Protein backbone atom coordinates (compact mmCIF):
# COMPACT_ATOMS: atom_id res chain seq x y z
CA MET A 1 19.56 42.30 -28.39
CA HIS A 2 16.82 39.78 -27.20
CA LYS A 3 13.30 39.12 -27.19
CA SER A 4 11.43 35.79 -26.69
CA GLN A 5 7.78 35.03 -28.77
CA GLN A 6 5.58 33.26 -27.97
CA PHE A 7 3.14 32.08 -30.27
CA GLN A 8 0.07 29.56 -29.48
CA THR A 9 1.25 26.68 -31.59
CA CYS A 10 4.22 25.68 -33.24
CA GLN A 11 2.88 25.41 -36.01
CA GLN A 12 2.02 29.70 -36.10
CA ALA A 13 5.65 29.64 -34.37
CA LEU A 14 7.71 28.02 -37.13
CA ARG A 15 5.48 30.38 -40.02
CA TRP A 16 7.12 33.22 -38.05
CA HIS A 17 10.42 31.80 -38.28
CA GLY A 18 10.51 30.81 -41.83
CA LEU A 19 9.29 34.67 -43.07
CA ALA A 20 11.66 36.15 -39.57
CA GLN A 21 15.08 33.98 -41.38
CA VAL A 22 13.89 35.48 -45.13
CA LEU A 23 13.66 38.83 -43.10
CA SER A 24 16.46 39.23 -41.73
CA GLU A 25 18.33 37.70 -45.23
CA ARG A 26 16.93 40.40 -46.87
CA HIS A 27 18.34 43.34 -44.58
CA GLU A 28 21.46 41.77 -43.97
CA ARG A 29 21.31 41.11 -40.29
CA HIS A 30 22.62 39.03 -38.52
CA CYS A 31 20.11 36.68 -36.20
CA LEU A 32 20.47 33.85 -34.47
CA PHE A 33 17.08 31.82 -34.12
CA TYR A 34 16.75 29.37 -30.89
CA LEU A 35 14.23 27.04 -31.71
CA GLY A 36 14.68 24.77 -28.34
CA SER A 37 10.81 25.56 -27.23
CA VAL A 38 9.61 25.71 -30.68
CA GLY A 39 7.27 22.81 -29.43
CA SER A 40 5.18 24.98 -27.37
CA GLY A 41 5.23 27.85 -29.61
CA ARG A 42 8.87 29.79 -28.06
CA ILE A 43 11.20 30.79 -29.95
CA GLY A 44 14.45 33.21 -28.64
CA THR A 45 15.88 35.69 -31.01
CA ASP A 46 19.17 37.48 -31.06
CA ILE A 47 19.92 40.06 -33.37
CA LEU A 48 23.83 40.93 -33.58
CA SER A 49 25.76 43.91 -34.70
CA PRO A 50 29.20 43.02 -36.12
CA ILE A 51 30.26 45.55 -34.38
CA GLN A 52 30.88 44.87 -30.93
CA GLY A 53 28.37 46.29 -28.34
CA HIS A 54 26.49 48.80 -30.54
CA LEU A 55 23.47 48.73 -31.91
CA SER A 56 23.19 50.49 -35.77
CA ARG A 57 19.88 51.74 -36.86
CA ALA A 58 19.38 48.57 -39.29
CA ASP A 59 19.56 46.27 -36.53
CA LEU A 60 16.49 48.41 -34.61
CA ASP A 61 14.83 48.73 -37.86
CA LEU A 62 15.10 45.09 -38.38
CA ALA A 63 13.96 44.37 -34.74
CA VAL A 64 10.44 46.39 -35.34
CA LYS A 65 10.09 44.41 -38.32
CA LEU A 66 9.90 41.10 -36.46
CA ASN A 67 7.42 42.28 -33.97
CA ALA A 68 5.27 43.60 -36.54
CA LEU A 69 5.85 40.66 -38.23
CA GLU A 70 4.67 38.82 -35.05
CA LYS A 71 1.95 41.05 -34.92
CA THR A 72 0.73 39.99 -38.50
CA VAL A 73 1.40 36.17 -38.23
CA ARG A 74 -0.75 36.22 -34.66
CA SER A 75 -3.22 38.18 -36.14
CA GLN A 76 -3.67 35.34 -39.46
CA HIS A 77 -3.84 31.93 -37.34
CA LEU A 78 -6.80 34.17 -35.37
CA LEU A 79 -8.59 34.45 -38.74
CA LEU A 80 -8.32 30.67 -40.03
């Protein structure tokens, strides 16, 4: 499963990335983060399942949590 996150700043993107890494490790999921465009605030994310071609319920749960984390990081940026 792939998604690209676009943030307003590099710092905001890196904050999300650090929190997302902790979240994915805590849930024991395999996530790849692509930071090639982080300077412009963009991060690509792939959630990989150990079972080829099949996403588990846990993979989908992590995707929902990463989306919620993205919204939280963005809203905190607006408060600053």
